[in-house]
């Protein structure tokens, strides 16, 4: 019981860090608001005192069924049935112009080549050479292995599921950890100079907690490079190899996708699980955890206007700016001197 209370106290202390920084007048880089996201008053009242109103209210005229529409709405047309037949028709329609023309490959040679390209790009931006680097969602572990053997890093990777490649890749400077980034204690505090993550954050069940934990394990002055898929984008189903048209995860139930895949001889199952955070919610979480945002870009997909208007009853629930954003790519800094 004592241990449980201590852990609760630690969590509370960590959660209060942004507020403590604000109270101390923590200097945030230009363009960032101190203490994380902007806060607003909870109430408002004009400065002068409003005039008193009479306690005797007038009676409105008595009207029978006042909420009845004066003109009956036009009967709606036949509702769209988002069934297997429609799914198969859309997939055939978009077969020659798929939303993602080139789907990623996962054979060993392709994985290794993609790992080398990723590391080269990030090294050019953040300087990874010889640093203590963490990859969040390391998968098979190729990036971690290259970081250690090619750039001389003390390289760490964390993933919720251990992979068969790990025993062969582990070494003195290759640390592969089975754990949940959102769970405190899997990794040591104030340890990592650099953190990288490739299209993994969208699959984290508790992404806000993972962002708070990210801040805890990074060194002050450390940098994080994160690319993540956004749920409202056209490719968030993660099934672009099998599904050619956009937004299947917003239009079709998983059971329909599963049946269509089975009928087509593809891997069964529905869309991949993706958390539903918008970029603005990610931004609020990053700033609230104490990070400074150093760079931000989006991978955008021009909105297919004809497709949008066909299914506007569903797609119209979302801002079009969100429908066009497939991925965000952000560089975060944990400011120096940010310890509580």
Protein backbone atom coordinates (compact mmCIF):
# COMPACT_ATOMS: atom_id res chain seq x y z
CA UNK A 1 0.00 0.00 0.00
CA UNK A 2 2.84 2.40 0.89
CA UNK A 3 4.51 1.70 -2.45
CA UNK A 4 1.24 2.43 -4.27
CA UNK A 5 0.90 5.80 -2.52
CA UNK A 6 4.51 6.70 -3.34
CA UNK A 7 3.90 5.93 -7.01
CA UNK A 8 0.75 8.05 -6.97
CA UNK A 9 2.73 10.93 -5.45
CA UNK A 10 5.38 10.62 -8.16
CA UNK A 11 2.76 10.68 -10.90
CA UNK A 12 1.15 13.78 -9.36
CA UNK A 13 4.52 15.52 -9.10
CA UNK A 14 5.28 14.79 -12.74
CA UNK A 15 1.84 15.92 -13.89
CA UNK A 16 2.35 19.27 -12.10
CA UNK A 17 5.68 20.04 -13.78
CA UNK A 18 4.27 22.42 -16.42
CA UNK A 19 2.42 24.41 -13.73
CA UNK A 20 5.55 24.65 -11.57
CA UNK A 21 7.57 25.87 -14.55
CA UNK A 22 4.96 28.50 -15.26
CA UNK A 23 4.98 29.72 -11.65
CA UNK A 24 8.77 30.02 -11.76
CA UNK A 25 8.60 32.18 -14.88
CA UNK A 26 10.12 29.49 -17.08
CA UNK A 27 11.41 31.09 -20.29
CA UNK A 28 9.98 29.36 -23.34
CA UNK A 29 11.41 29.99 -26.83
CA UNK A 30 9.81 32.69 -28.97
CA UNK A 31 6.41 31.66 -30.30
CA UNK A 32 5.65 29.28 -27.41
CA UNK A 33 3.34 30.24 -24.55
CA UNK A 34 4.71 29.69 -21.05
CA UNK A 35 3.25 26.73 -19.24
CA UNK A 36 2.07 24.92 -22.37
CA UNK A 37 -1.28 25.51 -24.10
CA UNK A 38 -2.97 28.89 -23.66
CA UNK A 39 -5.41 28.99 -20.75
CA UNK A 40 -8.65 30.98 -20.56
CA UNK A 41 -10.73 32.32 -17.64
CA UNK A 42 -13.50 30.00 -16.53
CA UNK A 43 -16.09 32.80 -16.19
CA UNK A 44 -16.81 36.24 -17.63
CA UNK A 45 -18.85 39.26 -16.52
CA UNK A 46 -18.97 42.80 -17.85
CA UNK A 47 -17.29 45.38 -15.58
CA UNK A 48 -20.44 47.36 -14.81
CA UNK A 49 -23.20 45.72 -12.77
CA UNK A 50 -26.10 44.70 -15.03
CA UNK A 51 -29.50 46.26 -14.24
CA UNK A 52 -31.82 44.22 -12.08
CA UNK A 53 -34.60 42.50 -13.96
CA UNK A 54 -38.16 42.23 -12.77
CA UNK A 55 -39.24 39.09 -10.98
CA UNK A 56 -42.55 39.22 -12.87
CA UNK A 57 -42.00 37.62 -16.28
CA UNK A 58 -44.50 38.17 -19.12
CA UNK A 59 -46.46 35.19 -20.42
CA UNK A 60 -45.85 34.23 -24.10
CA UNK A 61 -48.86 33.31 -26.25
CA UNK A 62 -50.11 29.74 -25.93
CA UNK A 63 -49.21 27.80 -29.09
CA UNK A 64 -50.12 24.19 -29.80
CA UNK A 65 -47.12 21.97 -30.70
CA UNK A 66 -44.68 24.90 -30.96
CA UNK A 67 -41.76 22.72 -32.05
CA UNK A 68 -43.59 21.26 -35.06
CA UNK A 69 -41.94 22.30 -38.35
CA UNK A 70 -44.04 24.74 -40.35
CA UNK A 71 -43.12 22.97 -43.60
CA UNK A 72 -42.56 19.21 -43.63
CA UNK A 73 -39.02 18.33 -44.77
CA UNK A 74 -38.63 16.68 -48.14
CA UNK A 75 -38.34 12.89 -47.80
CA UNK A 76 -34.72 11.78 -47.89
CA UNK A 77 -33.50 9.63 -50.73
CA UNK A 78 -32.49 6.02 -50.32
CA UNK A 79 -29.71 5.96 -47.69
CA UNK A 80 -26.32 4.70 -48.79
CA UNK A 81 -25.63 1.18 -47.65
CA UNK A 82 -21.98 0.83 -46.69
CA UNK A 83 -21.88 -2.87 -47.45
CA UNK A 84 -19.50 -5.28 -49.16
CA UNK A 85 -21.02 -4.58 -52.57
CA UNK A 86 -20.23 -0.85 -52.31
CA UNK A 87 -16.76 -1.58 -50.90
CA UNK A 88 -15.91 -3.87 -53.83
CA UNK A 89 -17.30 -1.37 -56.35
CA UNK A 90 -15.15 1.46 -54.92
CA UNK A 91 -12.05 -0.71 -54.84
CA UNK A 92 -12.55 -1.59 -58.52
CA UNK A 93 -13.24 2.06 -59.40
CA UNK A 94 -9.97 3.26 -57.82
CA UNK A 95 -7.80 0.30 -58.81
CA UNK A 96 -5.99 2.30 -61.52
CA UNK A 97 -5.58 5.43 -59.37
CA UNK A 98 -5.09 4.26 -55.78
CA UNK A 99 -4.84 6.79 -52.97
CA UNK A 100 -1.35 5.44 -52.14
CA UNK A 101 0.28 4.33 -55.41
CA UNK A 102 3.30 2.72 -53.69
CA UNK A 103 2.64 0.64 -50.60
CA UNK A 104 5.61 -0.10 -48.32
CA UNK A 105 7.33 -3.49 -48.58
CA UNK A 106 8.28 -5.56 -45.55
CA UNK A 107 10.79 -8.11 -46.86
CA UNK A 108 14.18 -8.06 -45.06
CA UNK A 109 16.01 -6.19 -47.85
CA UNK A 110 13.32 -3.49 -48.03
CA UNK A 111 13.24 -3.11 -44.24
CA UNK A 112 17.02 -2.67 -44.10
CA UNK A 113 17.08 -0.14 -46.94
CA UNK A 114 14.23 1.86 -45.41
CA UNK A 115 16.05 1.88 -42.06
CA UNK A 116 19.23 3.25 -43.64
CA UNK A 117 17.30 5.98 -45.45
CA UNK A 118 15.44 7.02 -42.31
CA UNK A 119 18.59 7.26 -40.22
CA UNK A 120 20.44 9.24 -42.90
CA UNK A 121 17.61 11.79 -43.14
CA UNK A 122 17.30 12.30 -39.39
CA UNK A 123 21.07 12.39 -38.82
CA UNK A 124 21.28 15.23 -41.31
CA UNK A 125 18.74 17.18 -39.22
CA UNK A 126 19.55 16.24 -35.62
CA UNK A 127 23.15 14.87 -35.58
CA UNK A 128 22.86 11.35 -34.16
CA UNK A 129 26.57 10.48 -34.21
CA UNK A 130 27.78 8.97 -30.94
CA UNK A 131 24.69 9.97 -28.97
CA UNK A 132 22.33 8.04 -26.71
CA UNK A 133 19.35 7.46 -29.02
CA UNK A 134 15.94 5.86 -28.39
CA UNK A 135 13.56 4.58 -31.04
CA UNK A 136 9.94 4.41 -29.89
CA UNK A 137 8.25 1.48 -31.62
CA UNK A 138 11.43 -0.14 -32.88
CA UNK A 139 9.76 -3.17 -34.47
CA UNK A 140 12.35 -5.63 -35.75
CA UNK A 141 15.16 -3.39 -34.49
CA UNK A 142 17.04 -2.61 -37.71
CA UNK A 143 17.26 1.15 -37.03
CA UNK A 144 18.59 0.53 -33.53
CA UNK A 145 21.23 -1.88 -34.84
CA UNK A 146 22.37 0.58 -37.55
CA UNK A 147 22.53 3.42 -35.04
CA UNK A 148 24.94 1.42 -32.90
CA UNK A 149 27.05 -0.14 -35.65
CA UNK A 150 27.20 2.70 -38.18
CA UNK A 151 26.91 5.88 -36.10
CA UNK A 152 28.49 4.70 -32.85
CA UNK A 153 25.38 5.40 -30.79
CA UNK A 154 24.33 3.91 -27.49
CA UNK A 155 21.14 2.75 -29.18
CA UNK A 156 17.88 1.79 -27.50
CA UNK A 157 14.57 0.59 -28.85
CA UNK A 158 11.26 0.00 -27.10
CA UNK A 159 8.30 -1.93 -28.47
CA UNK A 160 5.26 -3.49 -26.88
CA UNK A 161 5.91 -6.76 -28.74
CA UNK A 162 9.35 -8.46 -28.84
CA UNK A 163 10.43 -9.64 -32.30
CA UNK A 164 12.23 -12.78 -33.43
CA UNK A 165 15.13 -10.65 -34.72
CA UNK A 166 15.97 -9.18 -31.31
CA UNK A 167 18.28 -11.92 -29.94
CA UNK A 168 20.47 -11.69 -33.05
CA UNK A 169 20.58 -7.89 -33.01
CA UNK A 170 21.17 -7.25 -29.30
CA UNK A 171 24.67 -6.25 -28.24
CA UNK A 172 26.72 -4.07 -25.93
CA UNK A 173 25.34 -0.91 -27.54
CA UNK A 174 22.04 -2.34 -28.80
CA UNK A 175 19.35 -2.37 -26.10
CA UNK A 176 15.93 -3.69 -27.12
CA UNK A 177 13.25 -3.29 -24.45
CA UNK A 178 9.83 -4.94 -24.32
CA UNK A 179 7.52 -2.33 -22.84
CA UNK A 180 4.77 0.23 -23.28
CA UNK A 181 6.02 3.78 -23.83
CA UNK A 182 2.96 5.03 -21.95
CA UNK A 183 3.94 3.11 -18.80
CA UNK A 184 6.31 4.86 -16.43
CA UNK A 185 9.42 2.90 -15.49
CA UNK A 186 10.28 0.96 -18.64
CA UNK A 187 13.14 3.38 -19.39
CA UNK A 188 15.53 5.42 -17.20
CA UNK A 189 14.88 9.16 -16.68
CA UNK A 190 16.86 12.02 -18.27
CA UNK A 191 18.78 9.58 -20.46
CA UNK A 192 18.30 10.15 -24.18
CA UNK A 193 19.92 12.86 -26.30
CA UNK A 194 17.76 11.98 -29.28
CA UNK A 195 14.47 10.11 -29.80
CA UNK A 196 13.09 8.91 -33.12
CA UNK A 197 9.74 7.34 -34.00
CA UNK A 198 8.32 6.33 -37.38
CA UNK A 199 4.53 6.00 -37.81
CA UNK A 200 4.09 4.35 -34.42
CA UNK A 201 2.54 6.99 -32.18
CA UNK A 202 -0.86 6.56 -33.83
CA UNK A 203 -0.94 2.96 -32.57
CA UNK A 204 -0.19 3.83 -28.93
CA UNK A 205 -3.33 3.21 -26.87
CA UNK A 206 -2.55 6.01 -24.41
CA UNK A 207 -0.69 8.57 -26.55
CA UNK A 208 -0.91 11.47 -24.09
CA UNK A 209 0.68 9.43 -21.31
CA UNK A 210 3.39 8.34 -23.76
CA UNK A 211 4.19 11.99 -24.53
CA UNK A 212 4.52 12.74 -20.82
CA UNK A 213 6.83 9.71 -20.45
CA UNK A 214 8.84 10.85 -23.48
CA UNK A 215 9.60 14.13 -21.70
CA UNK A 216 10.66 12.25 -18.57
CA UNK A 217 13.22 10.00 -20.29
CA UNK A 218 14.83 12.68 -22.50
CA UNK A 219 17.82 14.73 -21.37
CA UNK A 220 17.32 18.48 -21.03
CA UNK A 221 18.29 19.93 -24.39
CA UNK A 222 17.42 16.65 -26.11
CA UNK A 223 15.59 16.45 -29.45
CA UNK A 224 12.83 14.12 -30.67
CA UNK A 225 11.88 13.43 -34.30
CA UNK A 226 8.38 11.94 -34.64
CA UNK A 227 6.30 11.02 -37.69
CA UNK A 228 2.77 9.75 -37.11
CA UNK A 229 -0.38 8.96 -39.06
CA UNK A 230 -3.51 11.01 -38.35
CA UNK A 231 -6.82 9.16 -37.99
CA UNK A 232 -8.90 11.44 -40.20
CA UNK A 233 -6.49 11.21 -43.13
CA UNK A 234 -7.29 9.08 -46.20
CA UNK A 235 -4.73 6.31 -45.51
CA UNK A 236 -5.21 5.71 -41.77
CA UNK A 237 -6.69 2.26 -42.39
CA UNK A 238 -3.07 1.10 -42.93
CA UNK A 239 -4.43 -1.19 -45.67
CA UNK A 240 -3.41 0.75 -48.76
CA UNK A 241 -1.81 -2.38 -50.19
CA UNK A 242 -5.29 -3.93 -50.48
CA UNK A 243 -7.67 -0.94 -50.50
CA UNK A 244 -7.35 1.59 -53.32
CA UNK A 245 -9.95 4.22 -52.37
CA UNK A 246 -9.61 6.82 -49.58
CA UNK A 247 -11.13 6.82 -46.09
CA UNK A 248 -12.28 3.18 -45.84
CA UNK A 249 -11.90 3.35 -42.05
CA UNK A 250 -14.30 6.33 -41.86
CA UNK A 251 -16.91 4.80 -44.16
CA UNK A 252 -17.00 1.06 -43.47
CA UNK A 253 -17.29 -1.09 -40.38
CA UNK A 254 -14.40 -3.47 -39.73
CA UNK A 255 -16.71 -6.43 -40.27
CA UNK A 256 -17.43 -5.23 -43.83
CA UNK A 257 -13.73 -4.70 -44.60
CA UNK A 258 -12.92 -8.13 -43.17
CA UNK A 259 -15.52 -9.84 -45.35
CA UNK A 260 -14.39 -7.96 -48.46
CA UNK A 261 -10.76 -8.91 -47.82
CA UNK A 262 -11.64 -12.56 -47.38
CA UNK A 263 -13.63 -12.57 -50.60
CA UNK A 264 -10.67 -11.02 -52.40
CA UNK A 265 -8.21 -13.56 -50.98
CA UNK A 266 -6.39 -10.89 -48.95
CA UNK A 267 -5.31 -10.87 -45.31
CA UNK A 268 -8.48 -10.88 -43.18
CA UNK A 269 -9.33 -8.20 -40.66
CA UNK A 270 -10.51 -4.61 -40.65
CA UNK A 271 -8.63 -1.34 -40.48
CA UNK A 272 -5.61 -1.03 -38.23
CA UNK A 273 -6.30 0.46 -34.81
CA UNK A 274 -5.32 4.14 -34.82
CA UNK A 275 -5.93 6.58 -31.99
CA UNK A 276 -8.19 9.46 -32.94
CA UNK A 277 -6.09 12.44 -31.91
CA UNK A 278 -6.04 15.39 -34.29
CA UNK A 279 -2.83 17.36 -34.80
CA UNK A 280 -4.19 20.12 -32.56
CA UNK A 281 -4.63 17.60 -29.74
CA UNK A 282 -1.09 16.31 -30.25
CA UNK A 283 0.17 19.90 -30.22
CA UNK A 284 -1.61 20.61 -26.94
CA UNK A 285 -0.09 17.47 -25.41
CA UNK A 286 3.44 18.28 -26.60
CA UNK A 287 3.30 21.82 -25.23
CA UNK A 288 1.60 20.72 -22.03
CA UNK A 289 4.37 18.20 -21.38
CA UNK A 290 6.91 21.01 -21.60
CA UNK A 291 8.30 20.56 -25.12
CA UNK A 292 9.18 23.30 -27.56
CA UNK A 293 8.13 22.57 -31.16
CA UNK A 294 11.12 23.23 -33.41
CA UNK A 295 9.74 22.10 -36.79
CA UNK A 296 6.45 20.81 -38.20
CA UNK A 297 5.36 19.53 -41.60
CA UNK A 298 2.40 17.54 -42.90
CA UNK A 299 2.10 14.94 -45.61
CA UNK A 300 -1.04 16.09 -47.38
CA UNK A 301 -3.35 14.38 -49.85
CA UNK A 302 -5.45 16.70 -52.06
CA UNK A 303 -9.10 16.11 -51.27
CA UNK A 304 -10.93 14.11 -53.92
CA UNK A 305 -13.87 16.50 -54.26
CA UNK A 306 -16.08 14.10 -56.21
CA UNK A 307 -15.54 11.34 -53.64
CA UNK A 308 -16.13 13.79 -50.80
CA UNK A 309 -19.49 14.94 -52.21
CA UNK A 310 -20.63 11.34 -52.80
CA UNK A 311 -20.14 10.55 -49.13
CA UNK A 312 -20.53 13.99 -47.58
CA UNK A 313 -23.05 12.70 -45.02
CA UNK A 314 -20.12 10.90 -43.37
CA UNK A 315 -17.02 12.82 -44.45
CA UNK A 316 -18.72 16.17 -43.87
CA UNK A 317 -18.52 15.51 -40.13
CA UNK A 318 -14.80 16.31 -40.26
CA UNK A 319 -12.99 19.54 -41.21
CA UNK A 320 -11.55 19.21 -44.70
CA UNK A 321 -8.13 20.29 -43.41
CA UNK A 322 -8.09 17.12 -41.30
CA UNK A 323 -9.20 14.94 -44.23
CA UNK A 324 -6.21 16.20 -46.23
CA UNK A 325 -3.60 15.59 -43.51
CA UNK A 326 -2.17 12.10 -43.75
CA UNK A 327 0.86 12.39 -41.46
CA UNK A 328 2.58 14.96 -39.29
CA UNK A 329 6.33 15.17 -38.81
CA UNK A 330 7.54 17.13 -35.82
CA UNK A 331 10.82 17.97 -34.11
CA UNK A 332 10.53 18.54 -30.36
CA UNK A 333 13.04 19.93 -27.89
CA UNK A 334 13.06 19.35 -24.15
CA UNK A 335 14.40 22.74 -23.05
CA UNK A 336 17.58 22.80 -20.98
CA UNK A 337 16.97 23.32 -17.28
CA UNK A 338 13.48 21.83 -17.49
CA UNK A 339 13.80 19.58 -14.42
CA UNK A 340 11.32 20.21 -11.62
